[in-house]
């Protein structure tokens, strides 16, 4: 599962990822997930002007889902309340 920085770096600055991280994300046999919370956090940071993306967020997610099979994980109330 990619965190916010890993997803942004993968799309915009892959050289910031470690070699191990880059290889793990790019291996076709690996399942790569992005939590919907990551998308939400990026939207908040964009709205606050704390980050800039080279591509629109929706386009970035769509490209990764289609090209690399990235999967979006939803978050439920049950997830949020689990300890």
Protein backbone atom coordinates (compact mmCIF):
# COMPACT_ATOMS: atom_id res chain seq x y z
CA UNK A 1 0.00 0.00 0.00
CA UNK A 2 1.38 3.37 -1.01
CA UNK A 3 1.30 6.26 1.37
CA UNK A 4 0.78 9.83 0.16
CA UNK A 5 4.43 10.61 -0.47
CA UNK A 6 5.09 7.32 -2.24
CA UNK A 7 2.20 7.89 -4.64
CA UNK A 8 3.17 11.51 -5.38
CA UNK A 9 6.84 10.57 -5.84
CA UNK A 10 5.94 7.61 -8.05
CA UNK A 11 3.99 9.91 -10.37
CA UNK A 12 6.06 13.11 -10.24
CA UNK A 13 9.54 12.39 -8.84
CA UNK A 14 10.34 8.66 -8.97
CA UNK A 15 14.00 9.35 -8.21
CA UNK A 16 12.93 10.21 -4.64
CA UNK A 17 11.85 6.61 -4.07
CA UNK A 18 14.38 4.11 -2.80
CA UNK A 19 15.43 1.48 -5.32
CA UNK A 20 13.59 -1.18 -3.31
CA UNK A 21 10.38 0.88 -3.21
CA UNK A 22 10.54 1.68 -6.91
CA UNK A 23 11.14 -1.96 -7.81
CA UNK A 24 8.31 -3.17 -5.56
CA UNK A 25 5.83 -0.72 -7.09
CA UNK A 26 6.87 -1.41 -10.66
CA UNK A 27 6.84 -5.23 -10.45
CA UNK A 28 3.79 -6.43 -12.40
CA UNK A 29 3.28 -9.38 -10.06
CA UNK A 30 2.83 -7.10 -7.03
CA UNK A 31 -0.56 -5.73 -6.08
CA UNK A 32 -0.32 -2.00 -5.44
CA UNK A 33 -2.99 -0.32 -3.33
CA UNK A 34 -3.83 3.29 -2.60
CA UNK A 35 -6.14 4.04 0.30
CA UNK A 36 -8.92 6.49 -0.40
CA UNK A 37 -7.47 8.36 2.59
CA UNK A 38 -4.34 9.06 0.51
CA UNK A 39 -6.49 10.61 -2.21
CA UNK A 40 -8.30 12.69 0.39
CA UNK A 41 -5.02 13.83 1.97
CA UNK A 42 -3.62 14.87 -1.42
CA UNK A 43 -6.81 16.85 -2.15
CA UNK A 44 -6.49 18.65 1.19
CA UNK A 45 -2.82 19.45 0.59
CA UNK A 46 -3.62 20.72 -2.91
CA UNK A 47 -6.40 22.96 -1.54
CA UNK A 48 -4.04 24.38 1.09
CA UNK A 49 -1.29 24.96 -1.46
CA UNK A 50 1.08 22.62 0.38
CA UNK A 51 1.85 20.48 -2.67
CA UNK A 52 1.70 20.78 -6.42
CA UNK A 53 1.29 17.92 -8.84
CA UNK A 54 2.55 17.70 -12.39
CA UNK A 55 -0.77 16.15 -13.45
CA UNK A 56 -4.33 16.53 -12.13
CA UNK A 57 -4.95 14.10 -9.27
CA UNK A 58 -7.92 12.40 -10.91
CA UNK A 59 -5.89 11.85 -14.09
CA UNK A 60 -2.94 10.50 -12.11
CA UNK A 61 -5.09 7.95 -10.31
CA UNK A 62 -6.88 6.94 -13.49
CA UNK A 63 -3.59 6.44 -15.36
CA UNK A 64 -2.11 4.30 -12.58
CA UNK A 65 -5.24 2.20 -12.28
CA UNK A 66 -5.29 1.50 -16.01
CA UNK A 67 -1.57 1.26 -16.76
CA UNK A 68 -0.26 -0.40 -13.61
CA UNK A 69 -3.31 -1.97 -11.99
CA UNK A 70 -3.20 0.19 -8.86
CA UNK A 71 -6.24 -0.55 -6.71
CA UNK A 72 -8.15 1.87 -4.48
CA UNK A 73 -8.98 0.69 -0.97
CA UNK A 74 -12.09 2.18 0.57
CA UNK A 75 -12.30 3.05 4.26
CA UNK A 76 -15.31 2.12 6.31
CA UNK A 77 -16.36 3.15 9.79
CA UNK A 78 -15.30 -0.31 10.93
CA UNK A 79 -11.78 0.32 9.61
CA UNK A 80 -11.57 3.66 11.38
CA UNK A 81 -12.70 2.20 14.70
CA UNK A 82 -10.41 -0.85 14.65
CA UNK A 83 -7.63 -0.75 17.21
